[in-house]
């Protein structure tokens, strides 16, 4: 669910945008009913979620308002991991400090491989990168960074990344400026 931004943007009447901060919702019966997961997750937008057995990972990043003052990302942004089916989550270590998780995908051919895109719109804009794990999120290795982005990730422009995973270990990265 999305927190978006809540503010008055019309001078004639008060309007807000964004959703209720419910965390993660999961259905185990094709959408007939829904259960709330991760009561200990921070109240922030969940960009994407991936479930593999009892391992649940959630990418958290509130895009709205995060870069308006060029001060970086909002508190609570990052990658969260649960090993108990989503009952409890902890923030993943081993990724750039202070960076948000703007995308998360699982490799369809390997249940232990995930890719996460991290974004920093503040002082460390070049920390925007993609990381992978082959052990269900226990450790992470950087596979894409500013160094091989052909200049699209740089210190003067905040960017974020979107991901898609395909067969045979393929992954696509979209750089959003």
N, C-alpha and C. Protein backbone atom coordinates (compact mmCIF):
# COMPACT_ATOMS: atom_id res chain seq x y z
N UNK A 1 0.85 -1.18 0.00
CA UNK A 1 0.00 0.00 0.00
C UNK A 1 0.88 1.22 0.00
N UNK A 2 0.31 2.34 -0.37
CA UNK A 2 1.10 3.55 -0.56
C UNK A 2 0.70 4.64 0.41
N UNK A 3 1.71 5.27 1.00
CA UNK A 3 1.43 6.45 1.82
C UNK A 3 1.40 7.69 0.96
N UNK A 4 2.11 7.67 -0.16
CA UNK A 4 2.14 8.82 -1.06
C UNK A 4 2.47 10.08 -0.29
N UNK A 5 1.80 11.14 -0.60
CA UNK A 5 1.98 12.40 0.11
C UNK A 5 0.61 12.92 0.47
N UNK A 6 0.48 13.42 1.65
CA UNK A 6 -0.80 13.98 2.07
C UNK A 6 -0.59 15.46 2.32
N UNK A 7 -1.21 16.28 1.48
CA UNK A 7 -1.11 17.72 1.62
C UNK A 7 -2.21 18.36 0.79
N UNK A 8 -2.45 19.61 1.04
CA UNK A 8 -3.46 20.34 0.26
C UNK A 8 -2.78 20.88 -0.99
N UNK A 9 -3.24 20.47 -2.17
CA UNK A 9 -2.61 20.97 -3.39
C UNK A 9 -3.58 21.81 -4.21
N UNK A 10 -4.77 22.06 -3.72
CA UNK A 10 -5.73 22.91 -4.39
C UNK A 10 -6.12 24.02 -3.42
N UNK A 11 -5.97 25.29 -3.78
CA UNK A 11 -6.25 26.37 -2.83
C UNK A 11 -7.74 26.50 -2.49
N UNK A 12 -8.63 25.90 -3.25
CA UNK A 12 -10.07 26.06 -3.02
C UNK A 12 -10.68 24.98 -2.15
N UNK A 13 -10.05 23.83 -2.11
CA UNK A 13 -10.53 22.78 -1.21
C UNK A 13 -9.38 21.82 -0.91
N UNK A 14 -9.46 21.20 0.24
CA UNK A 14 -8.39 20.34 0.70
C UNK A 14 -8.50 18.97 0.04
N UNK A 15 -7.47 18.56 -0.65
CA UNK A 15 -7.41 17.23 -1.23
C UNK A 15 -6.13 16.56 -0.76
N UNK A 16 -6.20 15.28 -0.60
CA UNK A 16 -5.02 14.52 -0.21
C UNK A 16 -4.83 13.40 -1.20
N UNK A 17 -3.65 12.90 -1.28
CA UNK A 17 -3.41 11.73 -2.11
C UNK A 17 -2.56 10.76 -1.30
N UNK A 18 -2.65 9.53 -1.66
CA UNK A 18 -1.95 8.49 -0.92
C UNK A 18 -2.96 7.57 -0.29
N UNK A 19 -2.50 6.44 0.15
CA UNK A 19 -3.40 5.44 0.71
C UNK A 19 -3.17 5.22 2.18
N UNK A 20 -3.95 4.32 2.73
CA UNK A 20 -3.83 3.94 4.13
C UNK A 20 -2.55 3.15 4.31
N UNK A 21 -1.86 3.40 5.41
CA UNK A 21 -0.60 2.73 5.69
C UNK A 21 -0.85 1.37 6.33
N UNK A 22 -1.32 0.42 5.55
CA UNK A 22 -1.67 -0.90 6.06
C UNK A 22 -0.51 -1.88 6.04
N UNK A 23 0.59 -1.56 5.43
CA UNK A 23 1.68 -2.51 5.33
C UNK A 23 1.52 -3.41 4.13
N UNK A 24 1.68 -4.71 4.33
CA UNK A 24 1.57 -5.68 3.25
C UNK A 24 0.32 -6.52 3.44
N UNK A 25 -0.38 -6.76 2.36
CA UNK A 25 -1.55 -7.62 2.39
C UNK A 25 -1.27 -8.83 1.51
N UNK A 26 -1.67 -10.02 1.95
CA UNK A 26 -1.43 -11.24 1.18
C UNK A 26 -2.72 -12.06 1.13
N UNK A 27 -2.92 -12.70 0.00
CA UNK A 27 -4.05 -13.61 -0.18
C UNK A 27 -3.50 -14.99 -0.52
N UNK A 28 -4.03 -16.00 0.12
CA UNK A 28 -3.65 -17.38 -0.16
C UNK A 28 -4.78 -18.14 -0.85
N UNK A 29 -5.81 -17.40 -1.32
CA UNK A 29 -6.96 -18.05 -1.95
C UNK A 29 -7.45 -17.26 -3.17
N UNK A 30 -6.52 -16.84 -4.01
CA UNK A 30 -6.81 -16.14 -5.27
C UNK A 30 -7.58 -14.84 -5.07
N UNK A 31 -7.36 -14.18 -3.94
CA UNK A 31 -7.96 -12.87 -3.72
C UNK A 31 -9.31 -12.88 -3.03
N UNK A 32 -9.80 -14.03 -2.60
CA UNK A 32 -11.10 -14.09 -1.91
C UNK A 32 -11.03 -13.42 -0.54
N UNK A 33 -9.87 -13.51 0.12
CA UNK A 33 -9.68 -12.83 1.40
C UNK A 33 -8.23 -12.40 1.52
N UNK A 34 -7.98 -11.42 2.41
CA UNK A 34 -6.65 -10.84 2.54
C UNK A 34 -6.26 -10.77 4.00
N UNK A 35 -4.95 -10.96 4.27
CA UNK A 35 -4.40 -10.91 5.61
C UNK A 35 -3.27 -9.89 5.62
N UNK A 36 -3.20 -9.11 6.69
CA UNK A 36 -2.14 -8.14 6.86
C UNK A 36 -0.87 -8.85 7.35
N UNK A 37 0.25 -8.56 6.71
CA UNK A 37 1.55 -9.09 7.12
C UNK A 37 2.41 -7.97 7.66
N UNK A 38 3.40 -8.33 8.43
CA UNK A 38 4.44 -7.40 8.82
C UNK A 38 3.99 -6.23 9.66
N UNK A 39 3.39 -6.52 10.80
CA UNK A 39 2.94 -5.45 11.68
C UNK A 39 4.11 -4.56 12.12
N UNK A 40 5.34 -5.06 12.07
CA UNK A 40 6.48 -4.26 12.50
C UNK A 40 7.17 -3.51 11.36
N UNK A 41 6.57 -3.48 10.16
CA UNK A 41 7.13 -2.70 9.07
C UNK A 41 6.90 -1.21 9.31
N UNK A 42 7.78 -0.35 8.82
CA UNK A 42 7.59 1.10 9.02
C UNK A 42 6.41 1.60 8.18
N UNK A 43 5.81 2.71 8.59
CA UNK A 43 4.69 3.28 7.81
C UNK A 43 5.20 4.03 6.59
N UNK A 44 5.49 3.30 5.54
CA UNK A 44 6.04 3.88 4.33
C UNK A 44 5.57 3.04 3.14
N UNK A 45 5.66 3.58 1.95
CA UNK A 45 5.23 2.86 0.75
C UNK A 45 6.05 1.61 0.52
N UNK A 46 5.37 0.53 0.20
CA UNK A 46 6.04 -0.70 -0.20
C UNK A 46 6.01 -0.73 -1.72
N UNK A 47 7.17 -0.63 -2.34
CA UNK A 47 7.28 -0.56 -3.79
C UNK A 47 7.04 -1.89 -4.46
N UNK A 48 7.59 -2.96 -3.90
CA UNK A 48 7.41 -4.28 -4.46
C UNK A 48 7.69 -5.33 -3.39
N UNK A 49 7.13 -6.52 -3.62
CA UNK A 49 7.22 -7.60 -2.66
C UNK A 49 7.51 -8.89 -3.42
N UNK A 50 8.29 -9.77 -2.82
CA UNK A 50 8.55 -11.07 -3.41
C UNK A 50 8.46 -12.12 -2.31
N UNK A 51 7.75 -13.23 -2.60
CA UNK A 51 7.57 -14.30 -1.63
C UNK A 51 8.11 -15.59 -2.22
N UNK A 52 8.95 -16.26 -1.47
CA UNK A 52 9.49 -17.57 -1.84
C UNK A 52 9.43 -18.45 -0.60
N UNK A 53 8.40 -19.24 -0.49
CA UNK A 53 8.23 -20.09 0.68
C UNK A 53 8.02 -19.22 1.91
N UNK A 54 8.83 -19.43 2.94
CA UNK A 54 8.70 -18.64 4.16
C UNK A 54 9.48 -17.33 4.11
N UNK A 55 10.27 -17.12 3.03
CA UNK A 55 11.03 -15.88 2.88
C UNK A 55 10.17 -14.85 2.13
N UNK A 56 9.96 -13.72 2.78
CA UNK A 56 9.21 -12.61 2.18
C UNK A 56 10.13 -11.39 2.23
N UNK A 57 10.28 -10.71 1.09
CA UNK A 57 11.06 -9.48 1.07
C UNK A 57 10.21 -8.36 0.51
N UNK A 58 10.39 -7.17 1.10
CA UNK A 58 9.61 -6.00 0.71
C UNK A 58 10.53 -4.80 0.51
N UNK A 59 10.40 -4.14 -0.62
CA UNK A 59 11.17 -2.94 -0.95
C UNK A 59 10.36 -1.72 -0.52
N UNK A 60 10.93 -0.89 0.34
CA UNK A 60 10.22 0.27 0.89
C UNK A 60 10.86 1.57 0.43
N UNK A 61 10.01 2.46 -0.13
CA UNK A 61 10.49 3.75 -0.62
C UNK A 61 9.30 4.65 -0.90
N UNK A 62 9.22 5.76 -0.24
CA UNK A 62 8.15 6.71 -0.48
C UNK A 62 8.64 7.74 -1.49
N UNK A 63 8.25 7.56 -2.75
CA UNK A 63 8.72 8.45 -3.82
C UNK A 63 8.22 9.88 -3.64
N UNK A 64 6.97 10.04 -3.28
CA UNK A 64 6.39 11.38 -3.17
C UNK A 64 7.04 12.16 -2.04
N UNK A 65 7.64 13.29 -2.37
CA UNK A 65 8.21 14.16 -1.37
C UNK A 65 9.62 13.80 -0.96
N UNK A 66 10.12 12.64 -1.38
CA UNK A 66 11.43 12.21 -0.92
C UNK A 66 12.54 13.12 -1.41
N UNK A 67 12.43 13.61 -2.63
CA UNK A 67 13.53 14.39 -3.19
C UNK A 67 13.21 15.87 -3.34
N UNK A 68 12.10 16.32 -2.80
CA UNK A 68 11.72 17.71 -3.01
C UNK A 68 12.72 18.68 -2.42
N UNK A 69 13.37 18.29 -1.34
CA UNK A 69 14.36 19.18 -0.75
C UNK A 69 15.78 18.72 -1.03
N UNK A 70 15.92 17.70 -1.90
CA UNK A 70 17.22 17.13 -2.23
C UNK A 70 17.95 16.63 -0.98
N UNK A 71 17.17 16.19 0.00
CA UNK A 71 17.79 15.74 1.25
C UNK A 71 17.87 14.23 1.35
N UNK A 72 17.52 13.50 0.31
CA UNK A 72 17.64 12.06 0.37
C UNK A 72 16.30 11.37 0.49
N UNK A 73 16.31 10.19 1.08
CA UNK A 73 15.11 9.37 1.18
C UNK A 73 14.52 9.45 2.57
N UNK A 74 13.26 9.03 2.68
CA UNK A 74 12.57 9.12 3.96
C UNK A 74 12.95 8.00 4.90
N UNK A 75 12.84 8.29 6.20
CA UNK A 75 13.13 7.29 7.22
C UNK A 75 12.26 6.06 7.00
N UNK A 76 12.83 4.90 7.19
CA UNK A 76 12.11 3.65 7.01
C UNK A 76 12.29 3.05 5.64
N UNK A 77 12.86 3.82 4.71
CA UNK A 77 13.11 3.28 3.38
C UNK A 77 14.17 2.19 3.46
N UNK A 78 14.10 1.23 2.57
CA UNK A 78 15.10 0.17 2.53
C UNK A 78 14.47 -1.15 2.15
N UNK A 79 15.22 -2.22 2.32
CA UNK A 79 14.75 -3.56 2.02
C UNK A 79 14.52 -4.30 3.32
N UNK A 80 13.35 -4.94 3.42
CA UNK A 80 12.97 -5.69 4.61
C UNK A 80 12.82 -7.16 4.26
N UNK A 81 13.20 -8.04 5.20
CA UNK A 81 13.18 -9.48 4.96
C UNK A 81 12.54 -10.20 6.15
N UNK A 82 11.72 -11.17 5.82
CA UNK A 82 11.10 -12.03 6.83
C UNK A 82 11.45 -13.47 6.49
N UNK A 83 11.76 -14.26 7.50
CA UNK A 83 12.02 -15.68 7.28
C UNK A 83 10.93 -16.53 7.92
N UNK A 84 9.89 -15.88 8.45
CA UNK A 84 8.80 -16.62 9.09
C UNK A 84 7.46 -16.37 8.41
N UNK A 85 7.51 -16.24 7.08
CA UNK A 85 6.28 -16.08 6.32
C UNK A 85 5.64 -14.71 6.41
N UNK A 86 6.37 -13.72 6.89
CA UNK A 86 5.86 -12.35 6.93
C UNK A 86 5.32 -11.91 8.28
N UNK A 87 5.53 -12.71 9.31
CA UNK A 87 5.06 -12.31 10.64
C UNK A 87 5.94 -11.20 11.21
N UNK A 88 7.26 -11.35 11.05
CA UNK A 88 8.18 -10.31 11.51
C UNK A 88 9.18 -10.01 10.40
N UNK A 89 9.59 -8.76 10.32
CA UNK A 89 10.55 -8.31 9.31
C UNK A 89 11.72 -7.61 9.99
N UNK A 90 12.90 -7.73 9.37
CA UNK A 90 14.06 -6.96 9.78
C UNK A 90 14.62 -6.27 8.54
N UNK A 91 15.22 -5.10 8.75
CA UNK A 91 15.81 -4.40 7.62
C UNK A 91 17.10 -5.11 7.22
N UNK A 92 17.29 -5.29 5.91
CA UNK A 92 18.43 -6.02 5.37
C UNK A 92 19.69 -5.17 5.48
N UNK A 93 20.74 -5.79 6.00
CA UNK A 93 22.06 -5.15 6.07
C UNK A 93 22.84 -5.53 4.82
N UNK A 94 23.94 -4.82 4.57
CA UNK A 94 24.80 -5.14 3.44
C UNK A 94 24.51 -4.35 2.19
N UNK A 95 23.51 -3.47 2.23
CA UNK A 95 23.21 -2.58 1.11
C UNK A 95 23.69 -1.19 1.48
N UNK A 96 23.80 -0.25 0.53
CA UNK A 96 24.27 1.10 0.87
C UNK A 96 23.47 1.73 2.00
N UNK A 97 24.14 2.26 2.98
CA UNK A 97 23.51 2.87 4.13
C UNK A 97 22.66 4.07 3.72
N UNK A 98 21.43 4.12 4.20
CA UNK A 98 20.55 5.25 3.93
C UNK A 98 19.84 5.21 2.61
N UNK A 99 20.07 4.18 1.81
CA UNK A 99 19.43 4.10 0.49
C UNK A 99 18.07 3.41 0.60
N UNK A 100 17.15 3.83 -0.26
CA UNK A 100 15.83 3.23 -0.33
C UNK A 100 15.84 2.09 -1.33
N UNK A 101 14.87 1.19 -1.21
CA UNK A 101 14.73 0.10 -2.17
C UNK A 101 13.60 0.47 -3.13
N UNK A 102 13.95 0.78 -4.38
CA UNK A 102 12.96 1.25 -5.34
C UNK A 102 12.37 0.12 -6.18
N UNK A 103 12.94 -1.07 -6.12
CA UNK A 103 12.40 -2.21 -6.88
C UNK A 103 12.99 -3.50 -6.32
N UNK A 104 12.21 -4.56 -6.43
CA UNK A 104 12.64 -5.88 -5.98
C UNK A 104 11.99 -6.91 -6.89
N UNK A 105 12.78 -7.84 -7.39
CA UNK A 105 12.24 -8.94 -8.20
C UNK A 105 12.95 -10.23 -7.82
N UNK A 106 12.23 -11.34 -7.98
CA UNK A 106 12.81 -12.65 -7.79
C UNK A 106 13.09 -13.28 -9.13
N UNK A 107 14.15 -14.05 -9.22
CA UNK A 107 14.50 -14.77 -10.43
C UNK A 107 13.53 -15.93 -10.58
N UNK A 108 12.78 -16.01 -11.69
CA UNK A 108 11.79 -17.08 -11.84
C UNK A 108 12.38 -18.48 -11.94
N UNK A 109 13.67 -18.58 -12.26
CA UNK A 109 14.29 -19.90 -12.39
C UNK A 109 15.13 -20.31 -11.19
N UNK A 110 15.28 -19.42 -10.21
CA UNK A 110 16.08 -19.72 -9.02
C UNK A 110 15.38 -19.12 -7.80
N UNK A 111 14.76 -19.93 -6.95
CA UNK A 111 14.00 -19.40 -5.82
C UNK A 111 14.85 -18.69 -4.77
N UNK A 112 16.16 -18.81 -4.83
CA UNK A 112 17.03 -18.15 -3.86
C UNK A 112 17.66 -16.87 -4.38
N UNK A 113 17.43 -16.55 -5.67
CA UNK A 113 18.03 -15.35 -6.25
C UNK A 113 16.99 -14.23 -6.33
N UNK A 114 17.37 -13.09 -5.79
CA UNK A 114 16.57 -11.87 -5.86
C UNK A 114 17.46 -10.74 -6.35
N UNK A 115 16.85 -9.73 -6.93
CA UNK A 115 17.55 -8.50 -7.32
C UNK A 115 16.83 -7.35 -6.64
N UNK A 116 17.60 -6.41 -6.09
CA UNK A 116 17.01 -5.23 -5.49
C UNK A 116 17.71 -3.99 -6.05
N UNK A 117 16.92 -2.98 -6.37
CA UNK A 117 17.46 -1.69 -6.81
C UNK A 117 17.42 -0.75 -5.63
N UNK A 118 18.53 -0.10 -5.34
CA UNK A 118 18.57 0.88 -4.26
C UNK A 118 18.81 2.26 -4.84
N UNK A 119 18.25 3.25 -4.18
CA UNK A 119 18.25 4.62 -4.67
C UNK A 119 18.60 5.56 -3.54
N UNK A 120 19.44 6.55 -3.83
CA UNK A 120 19.71 7.61 -2.87
C UNK A 120 19.62 8.93 -3.61
N UNK A 121 18.59 9.70 -3.31
CA UNK A 121 18.39 10.99 -3.97
C UNK A 121 19.05 12.14 -3.26
N UNK A 122 19.76 11.87 -2.16
CA UNK A 122 20.39 12.93 -1.39
C UNK A 122 21.82 13.18 -1.82
N UNK A 123 22.70 13.28 -0.84
CA UNK A 123 24.09 13.63 -1.11
C UNK A 123 24.84 12.53 -1.86
N UNK A 124 24.40 11.28 -1.73
CA UNK A 124 25.13 10.18 -2.35
C UNK A 124 24.34 9.59 -3.52
N UNK A 125 24.03 10.42 -4.51
CA UNK A 125 23.22 9.99 -5.66
C UNK A 125 23.86 8.84 -6.44
N UNK A 126 25.19 8.74 -6.41
CA UNK A 126 25.85 7.68 -7.16
C UNK A 126 25.76 6.33 -6.45
N UNK A 127 25.13 6.25 -5.26
CA UNK A 127 24.91 4.97 -4.59
C UNK A 127 23.77 4.20 -5.23
N UNK A 128 23.01 4.83 -6.14
CA UNK A 128 21.95 4.14 -6.86
C UNK A 128 22.56 2.96 -7.60
N UNK A 129 22.02 1.75 -7.35
CA UNK A 129 22.65 0.54 -7.88
C UNK A 129 21.70 -0.65 -7.79
N UNK A 130 22.14 -1.77 -8.35
CA UNK A 130 21.39 -3.03 -8.27
C UNK A 130 22.27 -4.06 -7.59
N UNK A 131 21.65 -4.82 -6.70
CA UNK A 131 22.33 -5.84 -5.92
C UNK A 131 21.60 -7.16 -6.11
N UNK A 132 22.32 -8.27 -5.96
CA UNK A 132 21.70 -9.59 -6.08
C UNK A 132 22.11 -10.47 -4.90
N UNK A 133 21.25 -11.43 -4.61
CA UNK A 133 21.53 -12.46 -3.62
C UNK A 133 21.23 -13.80 -4.25
N UNK A 134 22.02 -14.80 -3.89
CA UNK A 134 21.76 -16.16 -4.36
C UNK A 134 21.43 -17.09 -3.20
N UNK A 135 21.30 -16.49 -1.99
CA UNK A 135 21.00 -17.29 -0.81
C UNK A 135 19.78 -16.77 -0.05
N UNK A 136 18.78 -16.34 -0.79
CA UNK A 136 17.53 -15.92 -0.18
C UNK A 136 17.62 -14.64 0.63
N UNK A 137 18.60 -13.80 0.35
CA UNK A 137 18.70 -12.50 1.00
C UNK A 137 19.62 -12.45 2.20
N UNK A 138 20.39 -13.49 2.43
CA UNK A 138 21.31 -13.48 3.57
C UNK A 138 22.54 -12.61 3.31
N UNK A 139 23.00 -12.56 2.05
CA UNK A 139 24.12 -11.69 1.68
C UNK A 139 23.87 -11.16 0.28
N UNK A 140 24.48 -10.01 -0.03
CA UNK A 140 24.20 -9.28 -1.27
C UNK A 140 25.48 -8.89 -1.98
N UNK A 141 25.44 -8.89 -3.32
CA UNK A 141 26.57 -8.50 -4.16
C UNK A 141 26.09 -7.47 -5.18
N UNK A 142 26.83 -6.38 -5.34
CA UNK A 142 26.45 -5.36 -6.31
C UNK A 142 26.73 -5.87 -7.73
N UNK A 143 25.73 -5.67 -8.65
CA UNK A 143 25.90 -6.10 -10.04
C UNK A 143 25.73 -4.96 -11.05
N UNK A 144 25.27 -3.80 -10.61
CA UNK A 144 25.10 -2.64 -11.49
C UNK A 144 25.27 -1.39 -10.65
N UNK A 145 26.00 -0.40 -11.19
CA UNK A 145 26.25 0.83 -10.43
C UNK A 145 26.43 2.01 -11.39
N UNK A 146 26.74 3.15 -10.82
CA UNK A 146 27.00 4.34 -11.63
C UNK A 146 28.14 4.09 -12.62
N UNK A 147 29.09 3.27 -12.24
CA UNK A 147 30.26 3.01 -13.08
C UNK A 147 29.90 2.36 -14.42
N UNK A 148 28.84 1.56 -14.47
CA UNK A 148 28.47 0.94 -15.74
C UNK A 148 27.10 1.37 -16.23
N UNK A 149 26.70 2.59 -15.84
CA UNK A 149 25.38 3.12 -16.25
C UNK A 149 25.46 4.06 -17.45
N UNK A 150 26.60 4.18 -18.08
CA UNK A 150 26.81 5.08 -19.22
C UNK A 150 26.44 6.53 -18.88
N UNK A 151 26.68 6.93 -17.64
CA UNK A 151 26.45 8.31 -17.22
C UNK A 151 25.03 8.63 -16.79
N UNK A 152 24.11 7.67 -16.86
CA UNK A 152 22.73 7.96 -16.46
C UNK A 152 22.58 8.09 -14.95
N UNK A 153 23.46 7.45 -14.19
CA UNK A 153 23.51 7.65 -12.74
C UNK A 153 24.71 8.54 -12.48
N UNK A 154 24.48 9.72 -11.91
CA UNK A 154 25.57 10.67 -11.67
C UNK A 154 25.29 11.46 -10.39
N UNK A 155 26.24 12.27 -9.99
CA UNK A 155 26.14 12.98 -8.71
C UNK A 155 25.24 14.22 -8.78
N UNK A 156 24.80 14.63 -9.96
CA UNK A 156 23.99 15.85 -10.05
C UNK A 156 22.49 15.60 -10.20
N UNK A 157 22.09 14.40 -10.59
CA UNK A 157 20.69 14.09 -10.83
C UNK A 157 20.22 12.92 -9.99
N UNK A 158 19.14 13.06 -9.22
CA UNK A 158 18.61 11.88 -8.55
C UNK A 158 17.92 10.96 -9.57
N UNK A 159 18.21 9.69 -9.49
CA UNK A 159 17.60 8.69 -10.37
C UNK A 159 17.10 7.55 -9.51
N UNK A 160 16.18 6.77 -10.07
CA UNK A 160 15.78 5.53 -9.41
C UNK A 160 15.71 4.46 -10.47
N UNK A 161 15.75 3.22 -10.02
CA UNK A 161 15.79 2.09 -10.93
C UNK A 161 14.54 1.24 -10.77
N UNK A 162 14.11 0.64 -11.86
CA UNK A 162 13.04 -0.35 -11.88
C UNK A 162 13.62 -1.62 -12.47
N UNK A 163 13.10 -2.77 -12.06
CA UNK A 163 13.67 -4.05 -12.46
C UNK A 163 12.62 -5.00 -13.01
N UNK A 164 13.05 -5.90 -13.86
CA UNK A 164 12.24 -7.03 -14.31
C UNK A 164 13.20 -8.22 -14.45
N UNK A 165 12.75 -9.39 -14.02
CA UNK A 165 13.56 -10.59 -14.13
C UNK A 165 12.90 -11.54 -15.11
N UNK A 166 13.73 -12.22 -15.90
CA UNK A 166 13.21 -13.16 -16.89
C UNK A 166 13.88 -14.51 -16.76
N UNK A 167 13.68 -15.35 -17.73
CA UNK A 167 14.24 -16.71 -17.67
C UNK A 167 15.76 -16.71 -17.83
N UNK A 168 16.36 -17.79 -17.38
CA UNK A 168 17.80 -18.04 -17.56
C UNK A 168 18.68 -16.95 -16.94
N UNK A 169 18.26 -16.38 -15.82
CA UNK A 169 19.06 -15.39 -15.12
C UNK A 169 19.07 -14.02 -15.75
N UNK A 170 18.16 -13.73 -16.66
CA UNK A 170 18.14 -12.40 -17.29
C UNK A 170 17.45 -11.40 -16.37
N UNK A 171 17.93 -10.16 -16.40
CA UNK A 171 17.34 -9.08 -15.61
C UNK A 171 17.43 -7.80 -16.44
N UNK A 172 16.36 -7.01 -16.41
CA UNK A 172 16.31 -5.73 -17.12
C UNK A 172 16.26 -4.60 -16.11
N UNK A 173 16.95 -3.51 -16.40
CA UNK A 173 17.00 -2.35 -15.51
C UNK A 173 16.52 -1.14 -16.28
N UNK A 174 15.56 -0.41 -15.71
CA UNK A 174 15.12 0.87 -16.28
C UNK A 174 15.63 1.97 -15.35
N UNK A 175 16.33 2.95 -15.90
CA UNK A 175 16.82 4.08 -15.13
C UNK A 175 15.82 5.21 -15.31
N UNK A 176 15.22 5.65 -14.20
CA UNK A 176 14.22 6.70 -14.22
C UNK A 176 14.86 7.97 -13.68
N UNK A 177 14.88 9.02 -14.50
CA UNK A 177 15.49 10.29 -14.11
C UNK A 177 14.39 11.28 -13.78
